[in-house]
């Protein structure tokens, strides 16, 4: 796998976690858009979407860990 992104480049990500977080968490997650995509699933699924660099992604993944949320996926979106 070749790395096509330059260091410090902003990459658009979609991060999915189990649980219900509302839009007020956006600032805490570095301005990512927070949306519950499947509220009727048990447990609900929330997505965090936006453009961030690698260090910010690492920080967000640490925050998800600290909140004891279950990480479902981290997908870079071209």
Protein backbone atom coordinates (compact mmCIF):
# COMPACT_ATOMS: atom_id res chain seq x y z
CA UNK A 1 0.00 0.00 0.00
CA UNK A 2 1.44 3.34 -0.99
CA UNK A 3 0.85 6.50 0.96
CA UNK A 4 -0.55 9.10 -1.43
CA UNK A 5 -1.14 11.73 1.27
CA UNK A 6 1.45 14.31 2.22
CA UNK A 7 2.36 14.73 5.91
CA UNK A 8 0.01 17.20 7.57
CA UNK A 9 -2.56 16.84 4.79
CA UNK A 10 -6.22 17.09 5.68
CA UNK A 11 -8.09 13.89 4.83
CA UNK A 12 -11.88 13.52 4.86
CA UNK A 13 -12.90 10.73 7.27
CA UNK A 14 -16.08 9.02 8.33
CA UNK A 15 -15.75 7.46 11.78
CA UNK A 16 -18.55 5.23 13.10
CA UNK A 17 -19.07 4.43 16.77
CA UNK A 18 -21.73 2.59 18.72
CA UNK A 19 -23.85 4.83 20.87
CA UNK A 20 -25.81 8.03 20.57
CA UNK A 21 -23.91 11.32 20.57
CA UNK A 22 -25.66 14.53 19.60
CA UNK A 23 -24.32 17.47 17.59
CA UNK A 24 -23.11 19.23 20.76
CA UNK A 25 -20.10 16.85 20.79
CA UNK A 26 -18.81 18.39 17.54
CA UNK A 27 -16.46 20.89 19.22
CA UNK A 28 -15.02 18.18 21.46
CA UNK A 29 -14.30 16.06 18.37
CA UNK A 30 -12.29 18.78 16.59
CA UNK A 31 -15.26 20.21 14.70
CA UNK A 32 -16.29 16.96 13.01
CA UNK A 33 -19.96 16.70 12.07
CA UNK A 34 -21.71 14.41 14.56
CA UNK A 35 -24.87 12.62 13.42
CA UNK A 36 -26.84 9.61 14.64
CA UNK A 37 -27.35 7.52 11.51
CA UNK A 38 -29.29 4.58 12.91
CA UNK A 39 -31.12 5.70 16.03
CA UNK A 40 -33.44 2.68 16.03
CA UNK A 41 -30.65 0.13 16.07
CA UNK A 42 -29.73 -1.18 19.50
CA UNK A 43 -27.28 0.34 20.28
CA UNK A 44 -27.58 3.36 17.97
CA UNK A 45 -24.77 4.22 15.52
CA UNK A 46 -23.19 7.69 15.38
CA UNK A 47 -20.93 9.01 12.63
CA UNK A 48 -18.22 11.65 12.96
CA UNK A 49 -17.40 13.16 9.56
CA UNK A 50 -14.97 15.81 8.38
CA UNK A 51 -11.48 16.71 7.22
CA UNK A 52 -8.63 16.27 9.70
CA UNK A 53 -4.92 15.50 9.70
CA UNK A 54 -3.31 12.36 11.14
CA UNK A 55 -2.41 13.80 14.58
CA UNK A 56 -6.00 15.01 15.01
CA UNK A 57 -7.31 11.59 13.98
CA UNK A 58 -5.11 9.99 16.64
CA UNK A 59 -6.48 12.40 19.25
CA UNK A 60 -10.07 11.65 18.25
CA UNK A 61 -9.45 7.92 18.47
CA UNK A 62 -8.03 8.47 21.97
CA UNK A 63 -11.16 10.45 22.92
CA UNK A 64 -13.36 7.62 21.64
CA UNK A 65 -11.32 5.22 23.79
CA UNK A 66 -11.60 7.53 26.83
CA UNK A 67 -15.41 7.64 26.45
CA UNK A 68 -15.42 3.82 26.28
CA UNK A 69 -17.26 3.94 22.94
CA UNK A 70 -17.05 0.98 20.59
CA UNK A 71 -15.28 1.94 17.36
CA UNK A 72 -16.97 0.41 14.32
CA UNK A 73 -14.96 1.90 11.46
CA UNK A 74 -12.60 4.64 10.29
CA UNK A 75 -12.96 5.24 6.55
CA UNK A 76 -10.99 7.81 4.53
CA UNK A 77 -13.32 9.30 1.92
CA UNK A 78 -11.83 10.53 -1.35
